[in-house]
Amino acid sequence: MLKCHAVNFLVFPQFMSFSIERFFSEPAKDAYQKIVAPYQYGLSVVFLCAIADLIILIAPTPQFFEVIEIPLSISVGVAVCWLGFRLFRQVFDIYLLEAALQRNRKVDSEILLLAKFLANSAIVLVAVLLFAQTHKINLLGLLASLGIGGIAVAFAAQKTLEQVLGGIVIYVDRPFVIDDYIHLADGTFGRVESIGWRSTKIRTSGKGSLVIVPNNVLTQVNIENLTGAKKVISLIYLTFHRIVPEEEKALIRQIILDSTKDIFGIDFRSTEVIFKDIQQQKKGLTQAQINFFLLGSGEVSMDLRKQLLDIAKQNITQKFKEYGIGFELEEKTINVNSPITL
């Protein structure tokens, strides 16, 4: 009898291999060899145990078999989960991860962990539902009894759940990916280092500090993605028909910076004001070159930035008049395209 079972155990994987080779296409054969073949003997054992468990449940059996049915069923469920984890890992490593790498898409390790966790959770859920269905366990009643505790846990973990759901929204919507440079409405500006379950890490430009932003916050604010965007250096020239003292130069520089720092899309931190004193025969004069850096992702965006720059020039003119500073503004603004280097 034992010999017969051993023969069946060895024949079943061979029968599976023969069926695949005989009736399935080449891609299916390749998938079987890569994913299922390494675990075919384990699958055979689980399959035979599951058949035995079903026979005990359905057919009239002695009392002894009914005693061992529950441990056998639990063992089958655990084995199914374990094999499911292994098979999904094979699919994940061989097909999903390879496909992502072939498309040259940046892959975040935390997102991969999330995908594996969700898949493994689904496998466990299916196993639990099958066990409950075959043993006539009322899961709805059990869940209802745990409902109050679940509600309490949900309220306690509300913020965490919001952040996790925000991470899922970011991953699905993809407003940015790892290594993108983004600019947030609160002034945060830098490179995305990682997108996690609960938060996104941004390495700020210039300071190099690490800013950790909850994902639910990112789903509710304006995000400017600067990767692949355009940067235009807009040059404006001012002429003061006198030699401007250093104290007044500092005031002029501050007026210019204050007039543009609240305009989204103009990198006021990179704004440069360069003064040049020119001595002439009768009197001297001072020229100022203002370098504005306009950031945008397309023609429409850049046109809008240039319109905002015109507003900034009007603000500068008004402020100079309030301080009694006389100047001449060169009408033509020179725009120079420049690659973004952050």
C-alpha atoms as a PDB file:
ATOM      1  CA  MET A   1       0.000   0.000   0.000  1.00  0.00           C
ATOM      2  CA  LEU A   2       2.791   2.401   0.937  1.00  0.00           C
ATOM      3  CA  LYS A   3       4.601   1.502  -2.257  1.00  0.00           C
ATOM      4  CA  CYS A   4       1.476   2.282  -4.272  1.00  0.00           C
ATOM      5  CA  HIS A   5       1.178   5.745  -2.678  1.00  0.00           C
ATOM      6  CA  ALA A   6       4.856   6.415  -3.365  1.00  0.00           C
ATOM      7  CA  VAL A   7       4.354   5.482  -7.001  1.00  0.00           C
ATOM      8  CA  ASN A   8       1.334   7.799  -7.239  1.00  0.00           C
ATOM      9  CA  PHE A   9       3.323  10.572  -5.597  1.00  0.00           C
ATOM     10  CA  LEU A  10       6.059  10.225  -8.214  1.00  0.00           C
ATOM     11  CA  VAL A  11       3.688   9.762 -11.148  1.00  0.00           C
ATOM     12  CA  PHE A  12       1.585  12.870 -10.479  1.00  0.00           C
ATOM     13  CA  PRO A  13       4.358  15.454 -11.199  1.00  0.00           C
ATOM     14  CA  GLN A  14       5.318  13.494 -14.296  1.00  0.00           C
ATOM     15  CA  PHE A  15       1.696  13.553 -15.430  1.00  0.00           C
ATOM     16  CA  MET A  16       1.591  17.333 -14.912  1.00  0.00           C
ATOM     17  CA  SER A  17       4.784  17.813 -16.913  1.00  0.00           C
ATOM     18  CA  PHE A  18       3.522  15.544 -19.688  1.00  0.00           C
ATOM     19  CA  SER A  19       0.209  17.420 -19.895  1.00  0.00           C
ATOM     20  CA  ILE A  20       1.949  20.778 -20.108  1.00  0.00           C
ATOM     21  CA  GLU A  21       4.343  19.563 -22.789  1.00  0.00           C
ATOM     22  CA  ARG A  22       1.554  17.949 -24.762  1.00  0.00           C
ATOM     23  CA  PHE A  23      -1.295  20.432 -24.729  1.00  0.00           C
ATOM     24  CA  PHE A  24       0.071  23.905 -23.942  1.00  0.00           C
ATOM     25  CA  SER A  25       1.897  26.558 -25.969  1.00  0.00           C
ATOM     26  CA  GLU A  26       5.568  27.429 -25.690  1.00  0.00           C
ATOM     27  CA  PRO A  27       5.032  30.481 -23.411  1.00  0.00           C
ATOM     28  CA  ALA A  28       2.939  28.326 -21.075  1.00  0.00           C
ATOM     29  CA  LYS A  29       5.622  25.631 -21.052  1.00  0.00           C
ATOM     30  CA  ASP A  30       8.277  28.207 -20.266  1.00  0.00           C
ATOM     31  CA  ALA A  31       6.172  29.667 -17.451  1.00  0.00           C
ATOM     32  CA  TYR A  32       5.583  26.198 -16.010  1.00  0.00           C
ATOM     33  CA  GLN A  33       9.282  25.367 -16.016  1.00  0.00           C
ATOM     34  CA  LYS A  34      10.234  28.651 -14.360  1.00  0.00           C
ATOM     35  CA  ILE A  35       7.419  28.961 -11.821  1.00  0.00           C
ATOM     36  CA  VAL A  36       5.735  25.631 -11.096  1.00  0.00           C
ATOM     37  CA  ALA A  37       8.398  23.006 -11.830  1.00  0.00           C
ATOM     38  CA  PRO A  38      10.603  23.863  -8.800  1.00  0.00           C
ATOM     39  CA  TYR A  39       7.617  23.188  -6.512  1.00  0.00           C
ATOM     40  CA  GLN A  40       5.790  20.440  -8.392  1.00  0.00           C
ATOM     41  CA  TYR A  41       6.457  17.769  -5.767  1.00  0.00           C
ATOM     42  CA  GLY A  42       5.222  20.066  -3.014  1.00  0.00           C
ATOM     43  CA  LEU A  43       2.125  20.807  -5.074  1.00  0.00           C
ATOM     44  CA  SER A  44       1.579  17.076  -5.492  1.00  0.00           C
ATOM     45  CA  VAL A  45       1.686  16.501  -1.739  1.00  0.00           C
ATOM     46  CA  VAL A  46      -0.705  19.381  -1.041  1.00  0.00           C
ATOM     47  CA  PHE A  47      -3.060  18.228  -3.797  1.00  0.00           C
ATOM     48  CA  LEU A  48      -3.219  14.672  -2.471  1.00  0.00           C
ATOM     49  CA  CYS A  49      -3.725  15.893   1.105  1.00  0.00           C
ATOM     50  CA  ALA A  50      -6.503  18.222  -0.053  1.00  0.00           C
ATOM     51  CA  ILE A  51      -8.222  15.315  -1.842  1.00  0.00           C
ATOM     52  CA  ALA A  52      -7.959  13.225   1.315  1.00  0.00           C
ATOM     53  CA  ASP A  53      -9.386  16.079   3.386  1.00  0.00           C
ATOM     54  CA  LEU A  54     -12.341  16.458   1.016  1.00  0.00           C
ATOM     55  CA  ILE A  55     -13.025  12.722   1.143  1.00  0.00           C
ATOM     56  CA  ILE A  56     -13.106  12.828   4.944  1.00  0.00           C
ATOM     57  CA  LEU A  57     -15.485  15.807   4.847  1.00  0.00           C
ATOM     58  CA  ILE A  58     -17.856  14.417   2.225  1.00  0.00           C
ATOM     59  CA  ALA A  59     -17.798  10.631   2.497  1.00  0.00           C
ATOM     60  CA  PRO A  60     -18.865   8.641   5.576  1.00  0.00           C
ATOM     61  CA  THR A  61     -15.685   7.832   7.486  1.00  0.00           C
ATOM     62  CA  PRO A  62     -14.815   6.303  10.853  1.00  0.00           C
ATOM     63  CA  GLN A  63     -14.632   8.540  13.912  1.00  0.00           C
ATOM     64  CA  PHE A  64     -10.842   8.381  13.893  1.00  0.00           C
ATOM     65  CA  PHE A  65     -10.636  10.146  10.536  1.00  0.00           C
ATOM     66  CA  GLU A  66     -12.984  12.885  11.717  1.00  0.00           C
ATOM     67  CA  VAL A  67     -10.624  13.576  14.629  1.00  0.00           C
ATOM     68  CA  ILE A  68      -7.640  14.125  12.345  1.00  0.00           C
ATOM     69  CA  GLU A  69      -9.613  16.132   9.775  1.00  0.00           C
ATOM     70  CA  ILE A  70      -9.218  19.522  11.482  1.00  0.00           C
ATOM     71  CA  PRO A  71      -5.404  19.259  11.882  1.00  0.00           C
ATOM     72  CA  LEU A  72      -5.168  17.932   8.333  1.00  0.00           C
ATOM     73  CA  SER A  73      -7.271  20.794   6.979  1.00  0.00           C
ATOM     74  CA  ILE A  74      -5.216  23.386   8.859  1.00  0.00           C
ATOM     75  CA  SER A  75      -2.019  21.789   7.562  1.00  0.00           C
ATOM     76  CA  VAL A  76      -3.352  21.914   4.012  1.00  0.00           C
ATOM     77  CA  GLY A  77      -4.267  25.593   4.454  1.00  0.00           C
ATOM     78  CA  VAL A  78      -0.812  26.470   5.780  1.00  0.00           C
ATOM     79  CA  ALA A  79       0.831  24.525   2.959  1.00  0.00           C
ATOM     80  CA  VAL A  80      -1.349  26.264   0.372  1.00  0.00           C
ATOM     81  CA  CYS A  81      -0.354  29.658   1.777  1.00  0.00           C
ATOM     82  CA  TRP A  82       3.324  28.730   1.786  1.00  0.00           C
ATOM     83  CA  LEU A  83       3.211  27.470  -1.794  1.00  0.00           C
ATOM     84  CA  GLY A  84       1.204  30.520  -2.831  1.00  0.00           C
ATOM     85  CA  PHE A  85       3.876  32.788  -1.362  1.00  0.00           C
ATOM     86  CA  ARG A  86       6.587  30.869  -3.207  1.00  0.00           C
ATOM     87  CA  LEU A  87       4.777  30.818  -6.534  1.00  0.00           C
ATOM     88  CA  PHE A  88       3.970  34.526  -6.380  1.00  0.00           C
ATOM     89  CA  ARG A  89       7.581  35.293  -5.550  1.00  0.00           C
ATOM     90  CA  GLN A  90       8.607  33.387  -8.672  1.00  0.00           C
ATOM     91  CA  VAL A  91       6.099  35.328 -10.776  1.00  0.00           C
ATOM     92  CA  PHE A  92       7.191  38.588  -9.187  1.00  0.00           C
ATOM     93  CA  ASP A  93      10.932  38.032  -9.640  1.00  0.00           C
ATOM     94  CA  ILE A  94      10.818  36.494 -13.102  1.00  0.00           C
ATOM     95  CA  TYR A  95       8.097  38.502 -14.817  1.00  0.00           C
ATOM     96  CA  LEU A  96       6.952  41.624 -12.960  1.00  0.00           C
ATOM     97  CA  LEU A  97      10.337  42.875 -11.777  1.00  0.00           C
ATOM     98  CA  GLU A  98      12.006  41.990 -15.069  1.00  0.00           C
ATOM     99  CA  ALA A  99       9.295  43.835 -17.010  1.00  0.00           C
ATOM    100  CA  ALA A 100       9.780  46.940 -14.858  1.00  0.00           C
ATOM    101  CA  LEU A 101      13.542  46.860 -15.408  1.00  0.00           C
ATOM    102  CA  GLN A 102      13.179  46.374 -19.166  1.00  0.00           C
ATOM    103  CA  ARG A 103      10.989  49.489 -19.342  1.00  0.00           C
ATOM    104  CA  ASN A 104      13.679  51.468 -17.496  1.00  0.00           C
ATOM    105  CA  ARG A 105      11.214  52.527 -14.835  1.00  0.00           C
ATOM    106  CA  LYS A 106      12.586  53.483 -11.443  1.00  0.00           C
ATOM    107  CA  VAL A 107      11.448  50.958  -8.877  1.00  0.00           C
ATOM    108  CA  ASP A 108      11.016  51.839  -5.222  1.00  0.00           C
ATOM    109  CA  SER A 109      11.809  49.009  -2.821  1.00  0.00           C
ATOM    110  CA  GLU A 110       9.011  50.050  -0.467  1.00  0.00           C
ATOM    111  CA  ILE A 111       6.454  49.857  -3.278  1.00  0.00           C
ATOM    112  CA  LEU A 112       7.702  46.368  -4.106  1.00  0.00           C
ATOM    113  CA  LEU A 113       7.270  45.389  -0.482  1.00  0.00           C
ATOM    114  CA  LEU A 114       3.750  46.802  -0.544  1.00  0.00           C
ATOM    115  CA  ALA A 115       2.885  44.772  -3.658  1.00  0.00           C
ATOM    116  CA  LYS A 116       4.229  41.589  -2.094  1.00  0.00           C
ATOM    117  CA  PHE A 117       2.374  42.275   1.138  1.00  0.00           C
ATOM    118  CA  LEU A 118      -0.937  42.795  -0.670  1.00  0.00           C
ATOM    119  CA  ALA A 119      -0.473  39.632  -2.739  1.00  0.00           C
ATOM    120  CA  ASN A 120       0.434  37.537   0.302  1.00  0.00           C
ATOM    121  CA  SER A 121      -2.520  38.982   2.201  1.00  0.00           C
ATOM    122  CA  ALA A 122      -4.832  38.004  -0.656  1.00  0.00           C
ATOM    123  CA  ILE A 123      -3.469  34.439  -0.583  1.00  0.00           C
ATOM    124  CA  VAL A 124      -4.061  34.157   3.167  1.00  0.00           C
ATOM    125  CA  LEU A 125      -7.556  35.630   2.800  1.00  0.00           C
ATOM    126  CA  VAL A 126      -8.498  33.079   0.131  1.00  0.00           C
ATOM    127  CA  ALA A 127      -7.184  30.220   2.287  1.00  0.00           C
ATOM    128  CA  VAL A 128      -9.153  31.442   5.318  1.00  0.00           C
ATOM    129  CA  LEU A 129     -12.350  31.812   3.276  1.00  0.00           C
ATOM    130  CA  LEU A 130     -11.991  28.298   1.848  1.00  0.00           C
ATOM    131  CA  PHE A 131     -11.400  26.838   5.306  1.00  0.00           C
ATOM    132  CA  ALA A 132     -14.418  28.678   6.709  1.00  0.00           C
ATOM    133  CA  GLN A 133     -16.620  27.626   3.795  1.00  0.00           C
ATOM    134  CA  THR A 134     -15.729  23.940   4.009  1.00  0.00           C
ATOM    135  CA  HIS A 135     -16.158  23.846   7.795  1.00  0.00           C
ATOM    136  CA  LYS A 136     -19.339  25.959   7.880  1.00  0.00           C
ATOM    137  CA  ILE A 137     -17.846  28.729   9.992  1.00  0.00           C
ATOM    138  CA  ASN A 138     -19.909  31.925  10.041  1.00  0.00           C
ATOM    139  CA  LEU A 139     -17.300  34.534   9.209  1.00  0.00           C
ATOM    140  CA  LEU A 140     -19.886  37.308   9.045  1.00  0.00           C
ATOM    141  CA  GLY A 141     -20.912  36.681  12.630  1.00  0.00           C
ATOM    142  CA  LEU A 142     -17.293  36.555  13.714  1.00  0.00           C
ATOM    143  CA  LEU A 143     -16.534  39.797  11.920  1.00  0.00           C
ATOM    144  CA  ALA A 144     -19.620  41.421  13.429  1.00  0.00           C
ATOM    145  CA  SER A 145     -18.462  40.463  16.910  1.00  0.00           C
ATOM    146  CA  LEU A 146     -15.130  42.088  16.172  1.00  0.00           C
ATOM    147  CA  GLY A 147     -16.746  45.141  14.580  1.00  0.00           C
ATOM    148  CA  ILE A 148     -16.607  47.404  17.625  1.00  0.00           C
ATOM    149  CA  GLY A 149     -12.948  46.657  18.177  1.00  0.00           C
ATOM    150  CA  GLY A 150     -12.268  47.196  14.482  1.00  0.00           C
ATOM    151  CA  ILE A 151     -13.956  50.585  14.557  1.00  0.00           C
ATOM    152  CA  ALA A 152     -11.882  51.593  17.567  1.00  0.00           C
ATOM    153  CA  VAL A 153      -8.686  50.510  15.826  1.00  0.00           C
ATOM    154  CA  ALA A 154      -9.733  52.358  12.664  1.00  0.00           C
ATOM    155  CA  PHE A 155     -10.248  55.590  14.601  1.00  0.00           C
ATOM    156  CA  ALA A 156      -6.939  55.152  16.404  1.00  0.00           C
ATOM    157  CA  ALA A 157      -5.077  54.538  13.148  1.00  0.00           C
ATOM    158  CA  GLN A 158      -6.978  57.104  11.085  1.00  0.00           C
ATOM    159  CA  LYS A 159      -3.943  59.248  10.288  1.00  0.00           C
ATOM    160  CA  THR A 160      -1.825  56.233   9.414  1.00  0.00           C
ATOM    161  CA  LEU A 161      -4.536  54.879   7.121  1.00  0.00           C
ATOM    162  CA  GLU A 162      -4.825  58.266   5.415  1.00  0.00           C
ATOM    163  CA  GLN A 163      -1.086  58.286   4.802  1.00  0.00           C
ATOM    164  CA  VAL A 164      -1.060  54.731   3.435  1.00  0.00           C
ATOM    165  CA  LEU A 165      -3.996  55.478   1.134  1.00  0.00           C
ATOM    166  CA  GLY A 166      -2.199  58.640   0.043  1.00  0.00           C
ATOM    167  CA  GLY A 167       0.814  56.515  -0.891  1.00  0.00           C
ATOM    168  CA  ILE A 168      -1.410  54.275  -3.006  1.00  0.00           C
ATOM    169  CA  VAL A 169      -2.909  57.327  -4.737  1.00  0.00           C
ATOM    170  CA  ILE A 170       0.561  58.720  -5.476  1.00  0.00           C
ATOM    171  CA  TYR A 171       1.718  55.385  -6.865  1.00  0.00           C
ATOM    172  CA  VAL A 172      -1.354  55.043  -9.103  1.00  0.00           C
ATOM    173  CA  ASP A 173      -1.543  58.682 -10.241  1.00  0.00           C
ATOM    174  CA  ARG A 174       2.268  59.082 -10.457  1.00  0.00           C
ATOM    175  CA  PRO A 175       2.553  62.890 -10.185  1.00  0.00           C
ATOM    176  CA  PHE A 176       6.254  62.210  -9.645  1.00  0.00           C
ATOM    177  CA  VAL A 177       8.636  59.285  -9.406  1.00  0.00           C
ATOM    178  CA  ILE A 178      11.937  58.692  -7.669  1.00  0.00           C
ATOM    179  CA  ASP A 179      14.708  61.116  -8.738  1.00  0.00           C
ATOM    180  CA  ASP A 180      12.208  63.727  -9.961  1.00  0.00           C
ATOM    181  CA  TYR A 181      12.722  67.304  -8.800  1.00  0.00           C
ATOM    182  CA  ILE A 182       9.534  68.766  -7.358  1.00  0.00           C
ATOM    183  CA  HIS A 183       8.474  72.113  -5.935  1.00  0.00           C
ATOM    184  CA  LEU A 184       5.732  72.272  -3.307  1.00  0.00           C
ATOM    185  CA  ALA A 185       3.546  75.247  -2.513  1.00  0.00           C
ATOM    186  CA  ASP A 186       5.143  75.646   0.936  1.00  0.00           C
ATOM    187  CA  GLY A 187       8.550  76.262  -0.677  1.00  0.00           C
ATOM    188  CA  THR A 188       9.957  72.739  -0.379  1.00  0.00           C
ATOM    189  CA  PHE A 189      12.150  72.196  -3.412  1.00  0.00           C
ATOM    190  CA  GLY A 190      14.317  69.168  -4.117  1.00  0.00           C
ATOM    191  CA  ARG A 191      14.752  65.630  -5.421  1.00  0.00           C
ATOM    192  CA  VAL A 192      12.434  62.761  -4.510  1.00  0.00           C
ATOM    193  CA  GLU A 193      14.532  60.085  -2.812  1.00  0.00           C
ATOM    194  CA  SER A 194      11.848  57.546  -1.946  1.00  0.00           C
ATOM    195  CA  ILE A 195       8.090  57.054  -1.955  1.00  0.00           C
ATOM    196  CA  GLY A 196       7.070  54.967   1.021  1.00  0.00           C
ATOM    197  CA  TRP A 197       3.853  53.614   2.455  1.00  0.00           C
ATOM    198  CA  ARG A 198       3.304  56.564   4.786  1.00  0.00           C
ATOM    199  CA  SER A 199       5.575  59.343   3.560  1.00  0.00           C
ATOM    200  CA  THR A 200       7.748  60.656   0.749  1.00  0.00           C
ATOM    201  CA  LYS A 201      11.347  61.730   1.335  1.00  0.00           C
ATOM    202  CA  ILE A 202      12.630  64.806  -0.519  1.00  0.00           C
ATOM    203  CA  ARG A 203      16.294  65.877  -0.567  1.00  0.00           C
ATOM    204  CA  THR A 204      16.187  69.672  -0.679  1.00  0.00           C
ATOM    205  CA  SER A 205      18.209  71.551  -3.245  1.00  0.00           C
ATOM    206  CA  GLY A 206      21.002  73.692  -1.846  1.00  0.00           C
ATOM    207  CA  LYS A 207      20.805  72.769   1.836  1.00  0.00           C
ATOM    208  CA  GLY A 208      20.788  69.030   1.166  1.00  0.00           C
ATOM    209  CA  SER A 209      18.528  68.332   4.139  1.00  0.00           C
ATOM    210  CA  LEU A 210      15.944  65.543   4.045  1.00  0.00           C
ATOM    211  CA  VAL A 211      12.292  66.601   4.202  1.00  0.00           C
ATOM    212  CA  ILE A 212       9.757  63.879   5.051  1.00  0.00           C
ATOM    213  CA  VAL A 213       6.251  64.736   3.835  1.00  0.00           C
ATOM    214  CA  PRO A 214       3.199  62.567   4.722  1.00  0.00           C
ATOM    215  CA  ASN A 215       1.596  61.130   1.600  1.00  0.00           C
ATOM    216  CA  ASN A 216      -1.887  62.352   2.515  1.00  0.00           C
ATOM    217  CA  VAL A 217      -0.500  65.914   2.524  1.00  0.00           C
ATOM    218  CA  LEU A 218       0.952  65.475  -0.971  1.00  0.00           C
ATOM    219  CA  THR A 219      -2.439  64.415  -2.325  1.00  0.00           C
ATOM    220  CA  GLN A 220      -3.949  67.726  -1.196  1.00  0.00           C
ATOM    221  CA  VAL A 221      -1.364  70.287  -2.347  1.00  0.00           C
ATOM    222  CA  ASN A 222      -0.123  71.637  -5.652  1.00  0.00           C
ATOM    223  CA  ILE A 223       3.026  69.883  -6.854  1.00  0.00           C
ATOM    224  CA  GLU A 224       5.247  71.242  -9.601  1.00  0.00           C
ATOM    225  CA  ASN A 225       7.335  68.523 -11.219  1.00  0.00           C
ATOM    226  CA  LEU A 226      10.463  70.148 -12.634  1.00  0.00           C
ATOM    227  CA  THR A 227      12.121  67.076 -14.108  1.00  0.00           C
ATOM    228  CA  GLY A 228      12.436  67.479 -17.848  1.00  0.00           C
ATOM    229  CA  ALA A 229      11.167  71.015 -17.468  1.00  0.00           C
ATOM    230  CA  LYS A 230      12.512  74.166 -19.019  1.00  0.00           C
ATOM    231  CA  LYS A 231      14.488  76.861 -17.301  1.00  0.00           C
ATOM    232  CA  VAL A 232      14.607  80.300 -18.870  1.00  0.00           C
ATOM    233  CA  ILE A 233      16.954  82.986 -17.627  1.00  0.00           C
ATOM    234  CA  SER A 234      15.222  86.304 -18.108  1.00  0.00           C
ATOM    235  CA  LEU A 235      17.611  89.276 -18.174  1.00  0.00           C
ATOM    236  CA  ILE A 236      16.304  92.736 -17.307  1.00  0.00           C
ATOM    237  CA  TYR A 237      18.479  95.853 -17.363  1.00  0.00           C
ATOM    238  CA  LEU A 238      18.011  98.929 -15.184  1.00  0.00           C
ATOM    239  CA  THR A 239      19.935 102.171 -15.589  1.00  0.00           C
ATOM    240  CA  PHE A 240      20.371 104.683 -12.758  1.00  0.00           C
ATOM    241  CA  HIS A 241      21.708 108.002 -14.048  1.00  0.00           C
ATOM    242  CA  ARG A 242      23.985 108.443 -11.062  1.00  0.00           C
ATOM    243  CA  ILE A 243      26.411 106.418  -9.010  1.00  0.00           C
ATOM    244  CA  VAL A 244      24.301 104.456  -6.547  1.00  0.00           C
ATOM    245  CA  PRO A 245      25.867 104.079  -3.077  1.00  0.00           C
ATOM    246  CA  GLU A 246      26.273 100.622  -1.563  1.00  0.00           C
ATOM    247  CA  GLU A 247      23.488 101.106   0.992  1.00  0.00           C
ATOM    248  CA  GLU A 248      21.027 101.977  -1.762  1.00  0.00           C
ATOM    249  CA  LYS A 249      22.210  99.018  -3.845  1.00  0.00           C
ATOM    250  CA  ALA A 250      21.309  96.732  -0.949  1.00  0.00           C
ATOM    251  CA  LEU A 251      17.862  98.351  -0.773  1.00  0.00           C
ATOM    252  CA  ILE A 252      17.338  97.935  -4.525  1.00  0.00           C
ATOM    253  CA  ARG A 253      18.363  94.279  -4.344  1.00  0.00           C
ATOM    254  CA  GLN A 254      15.956  93.658  -1.460  1.00  0.00           C
ATOM    255  CA  ILE A 255      13.081  95.365  -3.298  1.00  0.00           C
ATOM    256  CA  ILE A 256      13.660  93.159  -6.332  1.00  0.00           C
ATOM    257  CA  LEU A 257      13.770  89.956  -4.268  1.00  0.00           C
ATOM    258  CA  ASP A 258      10.662  90.891  -2.276  1.00  0.00           C
ATOM    259  CA  SER A 259       8.763  91.625  -5.490  1.00  0.00           C
ATOM    260  CA  THR A 260       9.287  88.096  -6.855  1.00  0.00           C
ATOM    261  CA  LYS A 261       9.503  85.728  -3.884  1.00  0.00           C
ATOM    262  CA  ASP A 262       5.738  85.138  -3.772  1.00  0.00           C
ATOM    263  CA  ILE A 263       5.418  84.407  -7.498  1.00  0.00           C
ATOM    264  CA  PHE A 264       5.184  80.645  -7.979  1.00  0.00           C
ATOM    265  CA  GLY A 265       7.401  79.484 -10.853  1.00  0.00           C
ATOM    266  CA  ILE A 266      10.105  82.104 -10.418  1.00  0.00           C
ATOM    267  CA  ASP A 267      13.009  80.693  -8.431  1.00  0.00           C
ATOM    268  CA  PHE A 268      13.604  83.791  -6.324  1.00  0.00           C
ATOM    269  CA  ARG A 269      16.460  82.087  -4.469  1.00  0.00           C
ATOM    270  CA  SER A 270      18.451  82.082  -7.699  1.00  0.00           C
ATOM    271  CA  THR A 271      17.596  85.667  -8.627  1.00  0.00           C
ATOM    272  CA  GLU A 272      20.768  87.671  -9.172  1.00  0.00           C
ATOM    273  CA  VAL A 273      21.218  91.444  -9.182  1.00  0.00           C
ATOM    274  CA  ILE A 274      24.555  92.589 -10.600  1.00  0.00           C
ATOM    275  CA  PHE A 275      25.539  96.251 -10.344  1.00  0.00           C
ATOM    276  CA  LYS A 276      28.082  97.970 -12.543  1.00  0.00           C
ATOM    277  CA  ASP A 277      29.296 101.533 -11.996  1.00  0.00           C
ATOM    278  CA  ILE A 278      30.233 103.394 -15.181  1.00  0.00           C
ATOM    279  CA  GLN A 279      32.241 106.607 -15.047  1.00  0.00           C
ATOM    280  CA  GLN A 280      31.539 109.072 -17.850  1.00  0.00           C
ATOM    281  CA  GLN A 281      33.095 112.457 -18.639  1.00  0.00           C
ATOM    282  CA  LYS A 282      30.659 114.641 -16.740  1.00  0.00           C
ATOM    283  CA  LYS A 283      28.917 112.224 -14.403  1.00  0.00           C
ATOM    284  CA  GLY A 284      28.739 108.555 -13.646  1.00  0.00           C
ATOM    285  CA  LEU A 285      25.872 106.103 -13.768  1.00  0.00           C
ATOM    286  CA  THR A 286      25.038 102.666 -12.399  1.00  0.00           C
ATOM    287  CA  GLN A 287      23.612  99.803 -14.405  1.00  0.00           C
ATOM    288  CA  ALA A 288      21.912  96.808 -12.848  1.00  0.00           C
ATOM    289  CA  GLN A 289      21.420  93.459 -14.546  1.00  0.00           C
ATOM    290  CA  ILE A 290      18.669  91.308 -13.017  1.00  0.00           C
ATOM    291  CA  ASN A 291      18.743  87.569 -13.748  1.00  0.00           C
ATOM    292  CA  PHE A 292      15.383  85.914 -13.142  1.00  0.00           C
ATOM    293  CA  PHE A 293      15.120  82.120 -13.371  1.00  0.00           C
ATOM    294  CA  LEU A 294      11.767  80.962 -14.738  1.00  0.00           C
ATOM    295  CA  LEU A 295      10.849  77.302 -14.288  1.00  0.00           C
ATOM    296  CA  GLY A 296       8.166  75.486 -16.262  1.00  0.00           C
ATOM    297  CA  SER A 297       7.248  72.207 -17.953  1.00  0.00           C
ATOM    298  CA  GLY A 298       5.898  73.383 -21.304  1.00  0.00           C
ATOM    299  CA  GLU A 299       5.227  76.309 -23.594  1.00  0.00           C
ATOM    300  CA  VAL A 300       1.977  77.240 -21.858  1.00  0.00           C
ATOM    301  CA  SER A 301       3.639  77.088 -18.462  1.00  0.00           C
ATOM    302  CA  MET A 302       6.548  79.251 -19.607  1.00  0.00           C
ATOM    303  CA  ASP A 303       4.224  81.830 -21.171  1.00  0.00           C
ATOM    304  CA  LEU A 304       2.395  82.082 -17.861  1.00  0.00           C
ATOM    305  CA  ARG A 305       5.695  82.556 -16.013  1.00  0.00           C
ATOM    306  CA  LYS A 306       6.644  85.383 -18.381  1.00  0.00           C
ATOM    307  CA  GLN A 307       3.311  87.081 -17.752  1.00  0.00           C
ATOM    308  CA  LEU A 308       3.932  86.806 -14.025  1.00  0.00           C
ATOM    309  CA  LEU A 309       7.367  88.305 -14.571  1.00  0.00           C
ATOM    310  CA  ASP A 310       5.713  91.329 -16.192  1.00  0.00           C
ATOM    311  CA  ILE A 311       3.659  91.692 -13.016  1.00  0.00           C
ATOM    312  CA  ALA A 312       6.872  91.499 -10.998  1.00  0.00           C
ATOM    313  CA  LYS A 313       8.385  94.303 -13.090  1.00  0.00           C
ATOM    314  CA  GLN A 314       5.341  96.446 -12.374  1.00  0.00           C
ATOM    315  CA  ASN A 315       5.744  95.738  -8.650  1.00  0.00           C
ATOM    316  CA  ILE A 316       9.423  96.705  -8.815  1.00  0.00           C
ATOM    317  CA  THR A 317       8.596  99.936 -10.638  1.00  0.00           C
ATOM    318  CA  GLN A 318       5.939 100.841  -8.067  1.00  0.00           C
ATOM    319  CA  LYS A 319       8.286 100.158  -5.140  1.00  0.00           C
ATOM    320  CA  PHE A 320      11.068 102.239  -6.670  1.00  0.00           C
ATOM    321  CA  LYS A 321       8.663 105.143  -7.078  1.00  0.00           C
ATOM    322  CA  GLU A 322       7.591 104.833  -3.445  1.00  0.00           C
ATOM    323  CA  TYR A 323      11.231 105.064  -2.344  1.00  0.00           C
ATOM    324  CA  GLY A 324      11.947 107.905  -4.772  1.00  0.00           C
ATOM    325  CA  ILE A 325      14.490 105.908  -6.752  1.00  0.00           C
ATOM    326  CA  GLY A 326      14.753 107.134 -10.323  1.00  0.00           C
ATOM    327  CA  PHE A 327      15.723 104.616 -13.001  1.00  0.00           C
ATOM    328  CA  GLU A 328      15.283 103.685 -16.627  1.00  0.00           C
ATOM    329  CA  LEU A 329      13.986 100.217 -17.495  1.00  0.00           C
ATOM    330  CA  GLU A 330      15.110  98.669 -20.744  1.00  0.00           C
ATOM    331  CA  GLU A 331      11.940  97.697 -22.554  1.00  0.00           C
ATOM    332  CA  LYS A 332      13.277  94.557 -24.192  1.00  0.00           C
ATOM    333  CA  THR A 333      13.655  91.570 -21.895  1.00  0.00           C
ATOM    334  CA  ILE A 334      16.205  88.971 -22.990  1.00  0.00           C
ATOM    335  CA  ASN A 335      15.198  85.337 -22.404  1.00  0.00           C
ATOM    336  CA  VAL A 336      17.890  82.655 -22.531  1.00  0.00           C
ATOM    337  CA  ASN A 337      16.999  78.949 -22.506  1.00  0.00           C
ATOM    338  CA  SER A 338      19.091  76.983 -20.059  1.00  0.00           C
ATOM    339  CA  PRO A 339      19.051  73.335 -18.929  1.00  0.00           C
ATOM    340  CA  ILE A 340      17.952  72.737 -15.362  1.00  0.00           C
ATOM    341  CA  THR A 341      20.865  71.988 -13.043  1.00  0.00           C
ATOM    342  CA  LEU A 342      19.675  71.512  -9.509  1.00  0.00           C
END
